[in-house]
Amino acid sequence: MPEFLHFGPEANVGLYLMLAGALGGVDCTVSGRRFSEYESGIGNGQVHIWFTRPETGWCASSVR
């Protein structure tokens, strides 16, 4: 995500990348539900999102 580094994102977008990786990276097919409005606190933006784990797993290729 080098195009975002120009804007000085918090932790160089690391928090988002860890979340995306934990959910399966590019193979993740699950959608999240937003639980809050976008908030700005101490210079960073945040929103609360809930991801319900599908029975078939986080990724379309999961076999469980």
C-alpha atoms as a PDB file:
ATOM      1  CA  MET A   1       0.000   0.000   0.000  1.00  0.00           C
ATOM      2  CA  PRO A   2       2.817   2.433  -0.819  1.00  0.00           C
ATOM      3  CA  GLU A   3       0.413   5.007  -2.247  1.00  0.00           C
ATOM      4  CA  PHE A   4      -0.972   5.617   1.260  1.00  0.00           C
ATOM      5  CA  LEU A   5       2.431   6.228   2.873  1.00  0.00           C
ATOM      6  CA  HIS A   6       2.439   9.736   1.362  1.00  0.00           C
ATOM      7  CA  PHE A   7      -0.325  10.666   3.853  1.00  0.00           C
ATOM      8  CA  GLY A   8       1.557   9.421   6.935  1.00  0.00           C
ATOM      9  CA  PRO A   9      -0.917   6.746   8.078  1.00  0.00           C
ATOM     10  CA  GLU A  10      -0.744   5.584  11.667  1.00  0.00           C
ATOM     11  CA  ALA A  11       1.719   2.695  12.042  1.00  0.00           C
ATOM     12  CA  ASN A  12       2.244   2.735   8.252  1.00  0.00           C
ATOM     13  CA  VAL A  13      -1.116   0.941   7.793  1.00  0.00           C
ATOM     14  CA  GLY A  14       0.332  -1.941   9.838  1.00  0.00           C
ATOM     15  CA  LEU A  15      -2.772  -2.391  11.996  1.00  0.00           C
ATOM     16  CA  TYR A  16      -4.974  -2.811   8.923  1.00  0.00           C
ATOM     17  CA  LEU A  17      -2.482  -5.196   7.319  1.00  0.00           C
ATOM     18  CA  MET A  18      -2.403  -7.356  10.480  1.00  0.00           C
ATOM     19  CA  LEU A  19      -6.208  -7.512  10.541  1.00  0.00           C
ATOM     20  CA  ALA A  20      -6.423  -8.340   6.850  1.00  0.00           C
ATOM     21  CA  GLY A  21      -3.762 -11.029   7.259  1.00  0.00           C
ATOM     22  CA  ALA A  22      -5.527 -12.549  10.273  1.00  0.00           C
ATOM     23  CA  LEU A  23      -8.725 -12.797   8.248  1.00  0.00           C
ATOM     24  CA  GLY A  24      -6.984 -14.615   5.397  1.00  0.00           C
ATOM     25  CA  GLY A  25      -5.372 -11.817   3.384  1.00  0.00           C
ATOM     26  CA  VAL A  26      -6.405 -11.638  -0.260  1.00  0.00           C
ATOM     27  CA  ASP A  27      -8.379 -14.898   0.130  1.00  0.00           C
ATOM     28  CA  CYS A  28     -10.728 -13.400   2.747  1.00  0.00           C
ATOM     29  CA  THR A  29     -14.264 -13.121   1.382  1.00  0.00           C
ATOM     30  CA  VAL A  30     -16.197 -12.162   4.526  1.00  0.00           C
ATOM     31  CA  SER A  31     -17.892  -8.776   4.895  1.00  0.00           C
ATOM     32  CA  GLY A  32     -17.840  -6.688   8.040  1.00  0.00           C
ATOM     33  CA  ARG A  33     -20.658  -4.716   9.683  1.00  0.00           C
ATOM     34  CA  ARG A  34     -19.892  -1.203  10.828  1.00  0.00           C
ATOM     35  CA  PHE A  35     -20.882  -0.531  14.445  1.00  0.00           C
ATOM     36  CA  SER A  36     -19.896   3.111  14.769  1.00  0.00           C
ATOM     37  CA  GLU A  37     -19.496   6.264  12.799  1.00  0.00           C
ATOM     38  CA  TYR A  38     -16.032   7.281  11.688  1.00  0.00           C
ATOM     39  CA  GLU A  39     -14.349   8.995  14.628  1.00  0.00           C
ATOM     40  CA  SER A  40     -11.221  11.062  14.879  1.00  0.00           C
ATOM     41  CA  GLY A  41      -9.290  10.675  18.091  1.00  0.00           C
ATOM     42  CA  ILE A  42      -5.836  12.094  18.741  1.00  0.00           C
ATOM     43  CA  GLY A  43      -5.251  12.653  15.044  1.00  0.00           C
ATOM     44  CA  ASN A  44      -6.123   9.169  13.854  1.00  0.00           C
ATOM     45  CA  GLY A  45      -9.376   7.923  12.416  1.00  0.00           C
ATOM     46  CA  GLN A  46     -11.198   4.835  13.521  1.00  0.00           C
ATOM     47  CA  VAL A  47     -14.402   2.928  13.066  1.00  0.00           C
ATOM     48  CA  HIS A  48     -15.642  -0.217  14.813  1.00  0.00           C
ATOM     49  CA  ILE A  49     -16.368  -3.185  12.541  1.00  0.00           C
ATOM     50  CA  TRP A  50     -17.627  -6.654  13.490  1.00  0.00           C
ATOM     51  CA  PHE A  51     -16.696  -9.681  11.403  1.00  0.00           C
ATOM     52  CA  THR A  52     -18.923 -12.714  11.982  1.00  0.00           C
ATOM     53  CA  ARG A  53     -17.016 -15.890  11.152  1.00  0.00           C
ATOM     54  CA  PRO A  54     -18.872 -17.789   8.431  1.00  0.00           C
ATOM     55  CA  GLU A  55     -19.494 -21.497   8.980  1.00  0.00           C
ATOM     56  CA  THR A  56     -17.287 -22.215   5.975  1.00  0.00           C
ATOM     57  CA  GLY A  57     -14.398 -20.153   7.387  1.00  0.00           C
ATOM     58  CA  TRP A  58     -12.924 -16.763   6.660  1.00  0.00           C
ATOM     59  CA  CYS A  59     -11.716 -17.621   3.160  1.00  0.00           C
ATOM     60  CA  ALA A  60     -13.636 -18.933   0.189  1.00  0.00           C
ATOM     61  CA  SER A  61     -11.072 -21.713  -0.159  1.00  0.00           C
ATOM     62  CA  SER A  62     -11.531 -22.907   3.458  1.00  0.00           C
ATOM     63  CA  VAL A  63     -12.740 -26.454   3.897  1.00  0.00           C
ATOM     64  CA  ARG A  64     -13.902 -27.136   7.447  1.00  0.00           C
END
